[in-house]
């Protein structure tokens, strides 16, 4: 199987860091800024940044309609921090006009741990990732307050109230994390995402072959 082509939404955020980590795993990466950029990718990373700003830029760039269409068609996607917020079905403290891609049936609270000074690092046990705990960097991070029936919770941390809540979730080919895996030097979450991309490619190839059979 050829190396997958992974787009990194390059409107704001840690684009270079995600591309470097994916390239280290053997993926081809491209920056996605226009609708034409999206048409050639096998999967997409929506990085951290400012979710409201990215929401506005998705609209002005013309990317919003084709991105919604690709997500609806099952494009594997990794959303980190602001990317998680954008992919959520509901944001309890977002702006009323903020776009919601609704690719994962979760309710997210922005800046759930506090302001920039409340950023922190911790080690996470992530289901499906073997080896030692994954070191996670939380910067003005969101937190998941509700998950739908089709959402698999992969990791949790205590919130400000001490109650453990999800910070890594998956629904089908979409994986979201409340932290910045591109900053830790540990590529295992990106490798898990590439596994989703490979699974989608295999499923598409099998479906195509079955349609071609007499």
N, C-alpha and C. Protein backbone atom coordinates (compact mmCIF):
# COMPACT_ATOMS: atom_id res chain seq x y z
N UNK A 1 0.84 -1.19 0.00
CA UNK A 1 0.00 0.00 0.00
C UNK A 1 0.88 1.24 0.00
N UNK A 2 0.55 2.22 -0.84
CA UNK A 2 1.32 3.44 -0.91
C UNK A 2 1.17 4.24 0.38
N UNK A 3 2.15 5.11 0.64
CA UNK A 3 2.07 5.98 1.82
C UNK A 3 0.84 6.88 1.69
N UNK A 4 0.06 7.03 2.76
CA UNK A 4 -1.12 7.89 2.67
C UNK A 4 -0.72 9.36 2.57
N UNK A 5 -1.58 10.13 1.97
CA UNK A 5 -1.40 11.58 1.92
C UNK A 5 -2.31 12.20 2.96
N UNK A 6 -1.71 12.86 3.93
CA UNK A 6 -2.46 13.44 5.04
C UNK A 6 -2.41 14.97 4.92
N UNK A 7 -3.57 15.57 4.90
CA UNK A 7 -3.65 17.02 4.91
C UNK A 7 -3.62 17.53 6.34
N UNK A 8 -2.98 18.67 6.53
CA UNK A 8 -3.03 19.37 7.82
C UNK A 8 -3.67 20.72 7.56
N UNK A 9 -4.81 20.96 8.19
CA UNK A 9 -5.50 22.23 8.01
C UNK A 9 -4.57 23.36 8.43
N UNK A 10 -4.23 24.23 7.48
CA UNK A 10 -3.17 25.20 7.70
C UNK A 10 -3.71 26.63 7.78
N UNK A 11 -4.82 26.80 8.47
CA UNK A 11 -5.38 28.13 8.65
C UNK A 11 -4.84 28.80 9.91
N UNK A 12 -4.46 27.99 10.90
CA UNK A 12 -3.91 28.48 12.16
C UNK A 12 -3.44 27.28 12.95
N UNK A 13 -2.47 27.48 13.86
CA UNK A 13 -2.10 26.42 14.78
C UNK A 13 -0.79 25.74 14.44
N UNK A 14 -0.56 24.56 15.09
CA UNK A 14 0.71 23.85 15.02
C UNK A 14 0.82 23.00 13.76
N UNK A 15 0.81 23.63 12.62
CA UNK A 15 0.83 22.91 11.35
C UNK A 15 2.17 22.20 11.15
N UNK A 16 3.26 22.92 11.33
CA UNK A 16 4.59 22.36 11.08
C UNK A 16 4.86 21.16 11.97
N UNK A 17 4.47 21.25 13.24
CA UNK A 17 4.75 20.17 14.18
C UNK A 17 3.99 18.90 13.81
N UNK A 18 2.73 19.04 13.40
CA UNK A 18 1.98 17.86 12.97
C UNK A 18 2.59 17.26 11.70
N UNK A 19 2.97 18.09 10.76
CA UNK A 19 3.54 17.57 9.52
C UNK A 19 4.85 16.83 9.80
N UNK A 20 5.66 17.37 10.70
CA UNK A 20 6.92 16.71 11.03
C UNK A 20 6.67 15.34 11.64
N UNK A 21 5.71 15.24 12.54
CA UNK A 21 5.44 13.96 13.21
C UNK A 21 4.88 12.94 12.22
N UNK A 22 3.98 13.35 11.36
CA UNK A 22 3.41 12.45 10.36
C UNK A 22 4.45 11.99 9.36
N UNK A 23 5.31 12.91 8.93
CA UNK A 23 6.37 12.54 7.99
C UNK A 23 7.31 11.52 8.61
N UNK A 24 7.57 11.65 9.92
CA UNK A 24 8.42 10.68 10.61
C UNK A 24 7.83 9.29 10.63
N UNK A 25 6.51 9.21 10.46
CA UNK A 25 5.83 7.91 10.41
C UNK A 25 5.65 7.40 8.99
N UNK A 26 6.18 8.13 8.02
CA UNK A 26 6.14 7.66 6.64
C UNK A 26 5.01 8.21 5.79
N UNK A 27 4.21 9.12 6.35
CA UNK A 27 3.10 9.69 5.58
C UNK A 27 3.58 10.86 4.73
N UNK A 28 2.92 11.06 3.60
CA UNK A 28 3.10 12.27 2.81
C UNK A 28 2.14 13.32 3.35
N UNK A 29 2.61 14.55 3.56
CA UNK A 29 1.74 15.57 4.13
C UNK A 29 1.62 16.77 3.20
N UNK A 30 0.46 17.41 3.23
CA UNK A 30 0.22 18.63 2.47
C UNK A 30 -0.53 19.61 3.37
N UNK A 31 -0.33 20.89 3.14
CA UNK A 31 -1.08 21.91 3.86
C UNK A 31 -2.41 22.16 3.14
N UNK A 32 -3.47 22.20 3.90
CA UNK A 32 -4.80 22.41 3.34
C UNK A 32 -5.24 23.84 3.66
N UNK A 33 -5.34 24.65 2.61
CA UNK A 33 -5.77 26.04 2.75
C UNK A 33 -6.96 26.36 1.86
N UNK A 34 -7.14 25.59 0.78
CA UNK A 34 -8.20 25.83 -0.20
C UNK A 34 -8.95 24.54 -0.48
N UNK A 35 -10.15 24.62 -1.04
CA UNK A 35 -10.89 23.40 -1.34
C UNK A 35 -10.12 22.42 -2.21
N UNK A 36 -9.34 22.91 -3.17
CA UNK A 36 -8.58 22.01 -4.04
C UNK A 36 -7.57 21.19 -3.26
N UNK A 37 -7.03 21.75 -2.18
CA UNK A 37 -6.05 21.03 -1.36
C UNK A 37 -6.69 19.82 -0.69
N UNK A 38 -7.97 19.94 -0.36
CA UNK A 38 -8.67 18.88 0.37
C UNK A 38 -8.98 17.69 -0.52
N UNK A 39 -9.08 17.92 -1.81
CA UNK A 39 -9.54 16.87 -2.72
C UNK A 39 -8.55 15.72 -2.87
N UNK A 40 -7.27 15.94 -2.53
CA UNK A 40 -6.26 14.92 -2.81
C UNK A 40 -5.79 14.19 -1.56
N UNK A 41 -6.43 14.41 -0.39
CA UNK A 41 -5.91 13.81 0.84
C UNK A 41 -6.70 12.57 1.22
N UNK A 42 -6.01 11.64 1.90
CA UNK A 42 -6.64 10.43 2.42
C UNK A 42 -7.16 10.62 3.84
N UNK A 43 -6.64 11.61 4.52
CA UNK A 43 -7.05 11.91 5.89
C UNK A 43 -6.67 13.34 6.20
N UNK A 44 -7.18 13.86 7.31
CA UNK A 44 -6.96 15.27 7.66
C UNK A 44 -6.67 15.41 9.14
N UNK A 45 -5.76 16.33 9.46
CA UNK A 45 -5.52 16.73 10.84
C UNK A 45 -6.00 18.17 11.00
N UNK A 46 -6.82 18.39 12.02
CA UNK A 46 -7.23 19.75 12.38
C UNK A 46 -6.50 20.08 13.67
N UNK A 47 -5.51 20.96 13.62
CA UNK A 47 -4.64 21.18 14.77
C UNK A 47 -5.25 22.11 15.80
N UNK A 48 -4.52 22.28 16.90
CA UNK A 48 -4.90 23.26 17.91
C UNK A 48 -4.71 24.67 17.39
N UNK A 49 -5.21 25.62 18.15
CA UNK A 49 -5.17 27.03 17.78
C UNK A 49 -6.33 27.72 18.47
N UNK A 50 -6.97 28.64 17.82
CA UNK A 50 -8.14 29.32 18.34
C UNK A 50 -9.35 28.85 17.55
N UNK A 51 -10.24 28.12 18.19
CA UNK A 51 -11.33 27.47 17.47
C UNK A 51 -12.26 28.48 16.79
N UNK A 52 -12.52 29.62 17.42
CA UNK A 52 -13.41 30.59 16.79
C UNK A 52 -12.76 31.21 15.55
N UNK A 53 -11.45 31.46 15.62
CA UNK A 53 -10.75 32.01 14.46
C UNK A 53 -10.71 31.01 13.31
N UNK A 54 -10.43 29.75 13.62
CA UNK A 54 -10.41 28.72 12.58
C UNK A 54 -11.80 28.57 11.96
N UNK A 55 -12.84 28.66 12.80
CA UNK A 55 -14.20 28.58 12.30
C UNK A 55 -14.47 29.66 11.26
N UNK A 56 -14.07 30.90 11.55
CA UNK A 56 -14.26 32.00 10.61
C UNK A 56 -13.47 31.76 9.33
N UNK A 57 -12.22 31.31 9.47
CA UNK A 57 -11.36 31.10 8.31
C UNK A 57 -11.85 29.94 7.44
N UNK A 58 -12.48 28.95 8.04
CA UNK A 58 -13.08 27.87 7.25
C UNK A 58 -14.15 28.43 6.32
N UNK A 59 -14.91 29.40 6.82
CA UNK A 59 -15.94 30.01 6.00
C UNK A 59 -15.39 30.87 4.90
N UNK A 60 -14.43 31.74 5.22
CA UNK A 60 -13.90 32.67 4.22
C UNK A 60 -13.03 31.98 3.18
N UNK A 61 -12.44 30.83 3.52
CA UNK A 61 -11.58 30.12 2.58
C UNK A 61 -12.37 29.26 1.60
N UNK A 62 -13.65 29.07 1.85
CA UNK A 62 -14.46 28.18 1.01
C UNK A 62 -14.31 26.72 1.36
N UNK A 63 -13.59 26.42 2.45
CA UNK A 63 -13.34 25.02 2.81
C UNK A 63 -14.51 24.35 3.52
N UNK A 64 -15.40 25.13 4.09
CA UNK A 64 -16.42 24.53 4.94
C UNK A 64 -17.31 23.52 4.21
N UNK A 65 -17.90 23.85 3.06
CA UNK A 65 -18.76 22.85 2.39
C UNK A 65 -18.03 21.57 1.99
N UNK A 66 -16.84 21.66 1.33
CA UNK A 66 -16.18 20.40 0.98
C UNK A 66 -15.68 19.62 2.19
N UNK A 67 -15.32 20.33 3.26
CA UNK A 67 -14.90 19.62 4.46
C UNK A 67 -16.07 18.87 5.08
N UNK A 68 -17.22 19.48 5.14
CA UNK A 68 -18.40 18.79 5.65
C UNK A 68 -18.70 17.55 4.79
N UNK A 69 -18.58 17.71 3.48
CA UNK A 69 -18.87 16.59 2.58
C UNK A 69 -17.88 15.45 2.78
N UNK A 70 -16.60 15.76 2.92
CA UNK A 70 -15.60 14.70 3.11
C UNK A 70 -15.81 13.99 4.45
N UNK A 71 -16.14 14.74 5.49
CA UNK A 71 -16.41 14.12 6.79
C UNK A 71 -17.62 13.21 6.71
N UNK A 72 -18.66 13.66 6.04
CA UNK A 72 -19.86 12.84 5.89
C UNK A 72 -19.58 11.57 5.10
N UNK A 73 -18.60 11.63 4.19
CA UNK A 73 -18.23 10.47 3.37
C UNK A 73 -17.27 9.54 4.10
N UNK A 74 -16.87 9.88 5.34
CA UNK A 74 -16.04 8.98 6.13
C UNK A 74 -14.55 9.25 6.09
N UNK A 75 -14.14 10.49 5.77
CA UNK A 75 -12.71 10.79 5.75
C UNK A 75 -12.11 10.69 7.16
N UNK A 76 -11.08 9.87 7.36
CA UNK A 76 -10.42 9.82 8.67
C UNK A 76 -9.86 11.18 9.05
N UNK A 77 -10.10 11.58 10.29
CA UNK A 77 -9.72 12.91 10.73
C UNK A 77 -9.23 12.85 12.16
N UNK A 78 -8.15 13.59 12.43
CA UNK A 78 -7.63 13.75 13.79
C UNK A 78 -7.78 15.22 14.17
N UNK A 79 -8.49 15.48 15.26
CA UNK A 79 -8.65 16.84 15.75
C UNK A 79 -8.03 16.97 17.13
N UNK A 80 -7.12 17.92 17.30
CA UNK A 80 -6.44 18.11 18.57
C UNK A 80 -6.76 19.49 19.13
N UNK A 81 -7.11 19.55 20.41
CA UNK A 81 -7.42 20.79 21.13
C UNK A 81 -8.52 21.57 20.38
N UNK A 82 -8.19 22.66 19.70
CA UNK A 82 -9.22 23.38 18.94
C UNK A 82 -9.86 22.48 17.89
N UNK A 83 -9.09 21.55 17.34
CA UNK A 83 -9.65 20.61 16.38
C UNK A 83 -10.75 19.76 16.98
N UNK A 84 -10.58 19.37 18.25
CA UNK A 84 -11.65 18.64 18.95
C UNK A 84 -12.90 19.49 19.06
N UNK A 85 -12.74 20.77 19.39
CA UNK A 85 -13.88 21.67 19.54
C UNK A 85 -14.63 21.78 18.22
N UNK A 86 -13.90 21.95 17.13
CA UNK A 86 -14.53 22.13 15.83
C UNK A 86 -15.26 20.87 15.37
N UNK A 87 -14.76 19.70 15.71
CA UNK A 87 -15.36 18.45 15.27
C UNK A 87 -16.52 18.00 16.15
N UNK A 88 -16.71 18.66 17.30
CA UNK A 88 -17.76 18.26 18.23
C UNK A 88 -19.14 18.61 17.71
N UNK A 89 -20.14 17.89 18.23
CA UNK A 89 -21.51 18.19 17.88
C UNK A 89 -22.07 19.37 18.63
N UNK A 90 -21.53 19.62 19.84
CA UNK A 90 -22.03 20.71 20.68
C UNK A 90 -20.87 21.31 21.46
N UNK A 91 -20.86 22.65 21.55
CA UNK A 91 -19.87 23.38 22.35
C UNK A 91 -20.67 24.25 23.32
N UNK A 92 -20.53 23.98 24.61
CA UNK A 92 -21.44 24.61 25.57
C UNK A 92 -21.12 26.08 25.81
N UNK A 93 -19.88 26.50 25.57
CA UNK A 93 -19.52 27.91 25.83
C UNK A 93 -18.91 28.56 24.59
N UNK A 94 -19.26 28.07 23.41
CA UNK A 94 -18.76 28.67 22.18
C UNK A 94 -19.61 29.84 21.75
N UNK A 95 -19.15 30.56 20.75
CA UNK A 95 -19.94 31.66 20.18
C UNK A 95 -21.13 31.09 19.42
N UNK A 96 -22.26 31.80 19.43
CA UNK A 96 -23.45 31.30 18.73
C UNK A 96 -23.22 31.06 17.24
N UNK A 97 -22.33 31.87 16.63
CA UNK A 97 -22.09 31.74 15.20
C UNK A 97 -20.92 30.83 14.87
N UNK A 98 -20.35 30.17 15.87
CA UNK A 98 -19.21 29.29 15.64
C UNK A 98 -19.64 28.03 14.92
N UNK A 99 -18.91 27.66 13.85
CA UNK A 99 -19.24 26.47 13.09
C UNK A 99 -18.95 25.21 13.91
N UNK A 100 -19.84 24.22 13.78
CA UNK A 100 -19.65 22.92 14.40
C UNK A 100 -19.72 21.86 13.31
N UNK A 101 -18.65 21.12 13.14
CA UNK A 101 -18.60 20.13 12.08
C UNK A 101 -19.37 18.86 12.45
N UNK A 102 -19.62 18.66 13.74
CA UNK A 102 -20.48 17.58 14.22
C UNK A 102 -20.09 16.21 13.68
N UNK A 103 -18.78 15.95 13.64
CA UNK A 103 -18.30 14.64 13.19
C UNK A 103 -18.19 13.64 14.34
N UNK A 104 -18.24 14.15 15.58
CA UNK A 104 -18.19 13.30 16.77
C UNK A 104 -19.32 13.73 17.70
N UNK A 105 -20.09 12.78 18.17
CA UNK A 105 -21.24 13.09 19.02
C UNK A 105 -20.79 13.32 20.46
N UNK A 106 -20.16 14.48 20.68
CA UNK A 106 -19.71 14.85 22.01
C UNK A 106 -20.09 16.30 22.29
N UNK A 107 -20.18 16.62 23.57
CA UNK A 107 -20.35 18.00 24.01
C UNK A 107 -19.04 18.43 24.67
N UNK A 108 -18.50 19.55 24.22
CA UNK A 108 -17.18 20.02 24.64
C UNK A 108 -17.31 21.37 25.35
N UNK A 109 -16.50 21.55 26.39
CA UNK A 109 -16.37 22.86 27.03
C UNK A 109 -15.00 23.43 26.70
N UNK A 110 -14.97 24.62 26.12
CA UNK A 110 -13.71 25.29 25.79
C UNK A 110 -13.01 25.77 27.07
N UNK A 111 -11.66 25.80 27.01
CA UNK A 111 -10.86 26.31 28.14
C UNK A 111 -11.34 25.74 29.47
N UNK A 112 -11.59 24.43 29.49
CA UNK A 112 -12.22 23.81 30.65
C UNK A 112 -11.32 23.79 31.89
N UNK A 113 -10.01 23.89 31.70
CA UNK A 113 -9.09 23.84 32.83
C UNK A 113 -8.65 25.23 33.28
N UNK A 114 -9.11 26.27 32.59
CA UNK A 114 -8.72 27.62 32.96
C UNK A 114 -7.97 28.32 31.84
N UNK A 115 -7.25 29.36 32.20
CA UNK A 115 -6.54 30.18 31.22
C UNK A 115 -5.17 29.60 30.89
N UNK A 116 -4.40 30.36 30.12
CA UNK A 116 -3.07 29.91 29.68
C UNK A 116 -2.18 29.49 30.86
N UNK A 117 -2.28 30.24 31.97
CA UNK A 117 -1.42 29.94 33.13
C UNK A 117 -1.80 28.62 33.78
N UNK A 118 -2.98 28.10 33.47
CA UNK A 118 -3.43 26.83 34.04
C UNK A 118 -3.09 25.64 33.15
N UNK A 119 -2.33 25.86 32.09
CA UNK A 119 -1.89 24.77 31.23
C UNK A 119 -1.04 23.79 32.04
N UNK A 120 -1.04 22.53 31.62
CA UNK A 120 -0.33 21.52 32.40
C UNK A 120 0.06 20.35 31.50
N UNK A 121 0.90 19.46 32.05
CA UNK A 121 1.29 18.23 31.37
C UNK A 121 1.02 17.06 32.30
N UNK A 122 0.66 15.93 31.70
CA UNK A 122 0.39 14.74 32.49
C UNK A 122 0.59 13.50 31.62
N UNK A 123 0.62 12.34 32.25
CA UNK A 123 0.74 11.08 31.53
C UNK A 123 -0.62 10.40 31.47
N UNK A 124 -0.97 9.91 30.28
CA UNK A 124 -2.28 9.32 30.05
C UNK A 124 -2.17 7.86 29.65
N UNK A 125 -3.05 7.04 30.21
CA UNK A 125 -3.25 5.69 29.70
C UNK A 125 -4.32 5.77 28.63
N UNK A 126 -3.94 5.54 27.37
CA UNK A 126 -4.86 5.66 26.24
C UNK A 126 -5.19 4.25 25.75
N UNK A 127 -6.45 3.90 25.77
CA UNK A 127 -6.87 2.57 25.33
C UNK A 127 -6.51 2.36 23.86
N UNK A 128 -5.91 1.21 23.58
CA UNK A 128 -5.52 0.90 22.22
C UNK A 128 -4.11 1.33 21.87
N UNK A 129 -3.43 2.01 22.77
CA UNK A 129 -2.03 2.42 22.54
C UNK A 129 -1.17 1.66 23.53
N UNK A 130 -0.32 0.80 23.01
CA UNK A 130 0.50 -0.04 23.86
C UNK A 130 1.73 0.71 24.36
N UNK A 131 2.33 0.18 25.42
CA UNK A 131 3.54 0.77 25.95
C UNK A 131 3.25 1.66 27.15
N UNK A 132 4.22 2.47 27.53
CA UNK A 132 4.05 3.33 28.71
C UNK A 132 2.99 4.40 28.47
N UNK A 133 2.56 5.08 29.54
CA UNK A 133 1.58 6.15 29.37
C UNK A 133 2.05 7.20 28.37
N UNK A 134 1.10 7.82 27.71
CA UNK A 134 1.36 8.85 26.71
C UNK A 134 1.48 10.19 27.41
N UNK A 135 2.59 10.89 27.19
CA UNK A 135 2.76 12.21 27.79
C UNK A 135 1.93 13.22 27.02
N UNK A 136 1.10 13.97 27.72
CA UNK A 136 0.15 14.88 27.08
C UNK A 136 0.34 16.30 27.56
N UNK A 137 0.34 17.24 26.62
CA UNK A 137 0.51 18.67 26.90
C UNK A 137 -0.84 19.36 26.70
N UNK A 138 -1.42 19.87 27.79
CA UNK A 138 -2.72 20.53 27.76
C UNK A 138 -2.51 22.04 27.84
N UNK A 139 -2.92 22.76 26.78
CA UNK A 139 -2.77 24.21 26.73
C UNK A 139 -4.14 24.84 26.48
N UNK A 140 -4.68 25.52 27.48
CA UNK A 140 -6.03 26.09 27.38
C UNK A 140 -6.98 25.04 26.78
N UNK A 141 -6.97 23.89 27.38
CA UNK A 141 -7.56 22.71 26.74
C UNK A 141 -9.07 22.61 26.97
N UNK A 142 -9.76 21.99 26.02
CA UNK A 142 -11.17 21.66 26.21
C UNK A 142 -11.33 20.37 27.00
N UNK A 143 -12.56 20.06 27.35
CA UNK A 143 -12.88 18.84 28.06
C UNK A 143 -14.23 18.36 27.55
N UNK A 144 -14.40 17.04 27.48
CA UNK A 144 -15.64 16.46 26.99
C UNK A 144 -16.61 16.27 28.16
N UNK A 145 -17.79 16.84 28.07
CA UNK A 145 -18.79 16.75 29.14
C UNK A 145 -19.87 15.72 28.85
N UNK A 146 -20.02 15.32 27.59
CA UNK A 146 -21.03 14.31 27.23
C UNK A 146 -20.54 13.55 26.02
N UNK A 147 -20.79 12.24 26.00
CA UNK A 147 -20.47 11.43 24.82
C UNK A 147 -21.71 10.69 24.38
N UNK A 148 -21.87 10.56 23.06
CA UNK A 148 -22.98 9.81 22.49
C UNK A 148 -22.72 8.32 22.53
N UNK A 149 -23.74 7.54 22.19
CA UNK A 149 -23.65 6.08 22.30
C UNK A 149 -22.62 5.48 21.35
N UNK A 150 -22.33 6.14 20.23
CA UNK A 150 -21.40 5.58 19.25
C UNK A 150 -19.96 6.04 19.48
N UNK A 151 -19.74 6.81 20.54
CA UNK A 151 -18.41 7.36 20.81
C UNK A 151 -17.66 6.45 21.78
N UNK A 152 -16.43 6.13 21.43
CA UNK A 152 -15.56 5.32 22.29
C UNK A 152 -14.63 6.26 23.05
N UNK A 153 -14.67 6.19 24.37
CA UNK A 153 -13.78 7.00 25.22
C UNK A 153 -12.47 6.25 25.40
N UNK A 154 -11.36 6.90 25.04
CA UNK A 154 -10.05 6.25 25.07
C UNK A 154 -9.16 6.70 26.22
N UNK A 155 -9.42 7.89 26.79
CA UNK A 155 -8.63 8.37 27.92
C UNK A 155 -9.41 9.44 28.66
N UNK A 156 -9.14 9.55 29.96
CA UNK A 156 -9.82 10.53 30.81
C UNK A 156 -8.82 11.17 31.75
N UNK A 157 -9.15 12.38 32.22
CA UNK A 157 -8.39 13.05 33.27
C UNK A 157 -9.38 13.73 34.21
N UNK A 158 -8.97 14.03 35.44
CA UNK A 158 -9.85 14.79 36.33
C UNK A 158 -10.00 16.23 35.86
N UNK A 159 -11.22 16.73 35.90
CA UNK A 159 -11.47 18.13 35.60
C UNK A 159 -11.20 19.00 36.82
N UNK A 160 -11.56 20.26 36.75
CA UNK A 160 -11.31 21.17 37.87
C UNK A 160 -12.12 20.80 39.09
N UNK A 161 -13.22 20.07 38.88
CA UNK A 161 -14.04 19.62 40.00
C UNK A 161 -13.63 18.24 40.52
N UNK A 162 -12.55 17.68 39.95
CA UNK A 162 -12.07 16.38 40.40
C UNK A 162 -12.72 15.20 39.72
N UNK A 163 -13.78 15.42 38.95
CA UNK A 163 -14.47 14.33 38.25
C UNK A 163 -13.72 13.99 36.97
N UNK A 164 -13.48 12.70 36.75
CA UNK A 164 -12.77 12.28 35.54
C UNK A 164 -13.69 12.40 34.33
N UNK A 165 -13.15 13.03 33.27
CA UNK A 165 -13.93 13.22 32.05
C UNK A 165 -13.04 12.90 30.84
N UNK A 166 -13.66 12.58 29.71
CA UNK A 166 -12.90 12.16 28.52
C UNK A 166 -12.05 13.28 27.94
N UNK A 167 -10.85 12.88 27.47
CA UNK A 167 -9.97 13.81 26.74
C UNK A 167 -9.48 13.20 25.43
N UNK A 168 -9.73 11.92 25.20
CA UNK A 168 -9.47 11.29 23.91
C UNK A 168 -10.70 10.44 23.57
N UNK A 169 -11.26 10.67 22.39
CA UNK A 169 -12.46 9.94 21.96
C UNK A 169 -12.32 9.57 20.49
N UNK A 170 -13.08 8.53 20.11
CA UNK A 170 -13.13 8.13 18.71
C UNK A 170 -14.55 7.77 18.33
N UNK A 171 -14.96 8.22 17.17
CA UNK A 171 -16.22 7.78 16.58
C UNK A 171 -15.96 7.42 15.13
N UNK A 172 -16.01 6.15 14.82
CA UNK A 172 -15.68 5.71 13.47
C UNK A 172 -14.27 6.11 13.10
N UNK A 173 -14.08 6.79 11.96
CA UNK A 173 -12.75 7.16 11.51
C UNK A 173 -12.26 8.50 12.06
N UNK A 174 -12.97 9.07 13.04
CA UNK A 174 -12.60 10.38 13.57
C UNK A 174 -12.07 10.22 14.99
N UNK A 175 -10.87 10.74 15.22
CA UNK A 175 -10.19 10.65 16.51
C UNK A 175 -9.96 12.07 17.01
N UNK A 176 -10.32 12.34 18.27
CA UNK A 176 -10.14 13.69 18.82
C UNK A 176 -9.42 13.61 20.15
N UNK A 177 -8.60 14.62 20.43
CA UNK A 177 -7.85 14.69 21.68
C UNK A 177 -7.85 16.12 22.18
N UNK A 178 -7.95 16.30 23.49
CA UNK A 178 -8.02 17.63 24.07
C UNK A 178 -6.65 18.28 24.21
N UNK A 179 -5.58 17.53 23.96
CA UNK A 179 -4.23 18.03 24.19
C UNK A 179 -3.49 18.18 22.87
N UNK A 180 -2.18 18.43 22.95
CA UNK A 180 -1.34 18.67 21.79
C UNK A 180 -0.32 17.53 21.64
N UNK A 181 -0.68 16.44 20.97
CA UNK A 181 0.26 15.32 20.84
C UNK A 181 1.48 15.65 20.00
N UNK A 182 1.36 16.67 19.16
CA UNK A 182 2.50 17.05 18.30
C UNK A 182 3.63 17.70 19.09
N UNK A 183 3.38 18.07 20.35
CA UNK A 183 4.40 18.75 21.16
C UNK A 183 5.14 17.82 22.11
N UNK A 184 4.72 16.56 22.20
CA UNK A 184 5.29 15.67 23.21
C UNK A 184 6.48 14.88 22.71
N UNK A 185 6.65 14.76 21.39
CA UNK A 185 7.69 13.91 20.84
C UNK A 185 7.29 12.45 20.78
N UNK A 186 6.09 12.11 21.22
CA UNK A 186 5.58 10.75 21.19
C UNK A 186 4.57 10.65 20.05
N UNK A 187 4.88 9.83 19.05
CA UNK A 187 4.08 9.77 17.82
C UNK A 187 2.99 8.71 17.86
N UNK A 188 2.72 8.10 19.01
CA UNK A 188 1.81 6.95 19.02
C UNK A 188 0.36 7.33 18.72
N UNK A 189 -0.10 8.51 19.10
CA UNK A 189 -1.46 8.88 18.76
C UNK A 189 -1.58 9.14 17.26
N UNK A 190 -0.56 9.76 16.67
CA UNK A 190 -0.55 9.94 15.21
C UNK A 190 -0.51 8.59 14.50
N UNK A 191 0.24 7.64 15.06
CA UNK A 191 0.29 6.30 14.46
C UNK A 191 -1.08 5.63 14.54
N UNK A 192 -1.78 5.82 15.64
CA UNK A 192 -3.14 5.28 15.78
C UNK A 192 -4.04 5.90 14.71
N UNK A 193 -3.89 7.20 14.47
CA UNK A 193 -4.68 7.87 13.45
C UNK A 193 -4.37 7.30 12.06
N UNK A 194 -3.10 7.09 11.76
CA UNK A 194 -2.74 6.52 10.47
C UNK A 194 -3.31 5.11 10.31
N UNK A 195 -3.47 4.39 11.42
CA UNK A 195 -4.14 3.10 11.35
C UNK A 195 -5.59 3.24 10.91
N UNK A 196 -6.27 4.30 11.35
CA UNK A 196 -7.64 4.55 10.91
C UNK A 196 -7.67 4.87 9.41
N UNK A 197 -6.66 5.63 8.96
CA UNK A 197 -6.57 5.96 7.53
C UNK A 197 -6.39 4.69 6.72
N UNK A 198 -5.47 3.82 7.16
CA UNK A 198 -5.25 2.57 6.45
C UNK A 198 -6.47 1.68 6.44
N UNK A 199 -7.21 1.66 7.55
CA UNK A 199 -8.43 0.87 7.61
C UNK A 199 -9.49 1.38 6.65
N UNK A 200 -9.60 2.71 6.54
CA UNK A 200 -10.57 3.29 5.61
C UNK A 200 -10.19 2.98 4.17
N UNK A 201 -8.88 3.05 3.86
CA UNK A 201 -8.44 2.75 2.49
C UNK A 201 -8.74 1.29 2.15
N UNK A 202 -8.50 0.38 3.09
CA UNK A 202 -8.76 -1.04 2.83
C UNK A 202 -10.25 -1.28 2.63
N UNK A 203 -11.09 -0.62 3.44
CA UNK A 203 -12.53 -0.79 3.30
C UNK A 203 -13.02 -0.26 1.96
N UNK A 204 -12.48 0.89 1.55
CA UNK A 204 -12.88 1.47 0.26
C UNK A 204 -12.46 0.56 -0.90
N UNK A 205 -11.25 -0.01 -0.81
CA UNK A 205 -10.78 -0.90 -1.87
C UNK A 205 -11.64 -2.16 -1.95
N UNK A 206 -12.03 -2.70 -0.79
CA UNK A 206 -12.87 -3.89 -0.79
C UNK A 206 -14.25 -3.59 -1.37
N UNK A 207 -14.79 -2.41 -1.02
CA UNK A 207 -16.10 -2.03 -1.55
C UNK A 207 -16.03 -1.84 -3.07
N UNK A 208 -14.94 -1.24 -3.54
CA UNK A 208 -14.77 -1.02 -4.97
C UNK A 208 -14.67 -2.35 -5.73
N UNK A 209 -13.92 -3.30 -5.13
CA UNK A 209 -13.75 -4.61 -5.78
C UNK A 209 -15.08 -5.35 -5.84
N UNK A 210 -15.89 -5.23 -4.79
CA UNK A 210 -17.17 -5.94 -4.79
C UNK A 210 -18.13 -5.36 -5.84
N UNK A 211 -18.03 -4.06 -6.08
CA UNK A 211 -18.89 -3.45 -7.08
C UNK A 211 -18.50 -3.87 -8.48
N UNK A 212 -17.19 -4.18 -8.68
CA UNK A 212 -16.70 -4.54 -10.01
C UNK A 212 -16.95 -6.00 -10.34
N UNK A 213 -17.30 -6.82 -9.34
CA UNK A 213 -17.53 -8.24 -9.61
C UNK A 213 -18.81 -8.41 -10.43
N UNK A 214 -18.81 -9.34 -11.41
CA UNK A 214 -20.00 -9.58 -12.23
C UNK A 214 -21.12 -10.19 -11.41
